[in-house]
Amino acid sequence: IAIAPTMLFRATGVTVLEQFGGTSILIMVGVALETMTQLESQLVMRHYDGFFK
């Protein structure tokens, strides 16, 4: 998994994100997924607050 970004960058020729390694990309994806989960939880709680009033 860690070598996948390097292989992708070399295959596509995109050099903008070449400085990011596999671990960095995994961390960014994990943070993005966790943020989406938190936002979804907040929206669900807002919906339930309106339901109980």
Foldseek 3Di string as FASTA:
>chain_A
DFCVVVVVCVVVVDDPCVVDTSVNVVVVVVVVVVVVVVVVVVVVVVVVVVVVD
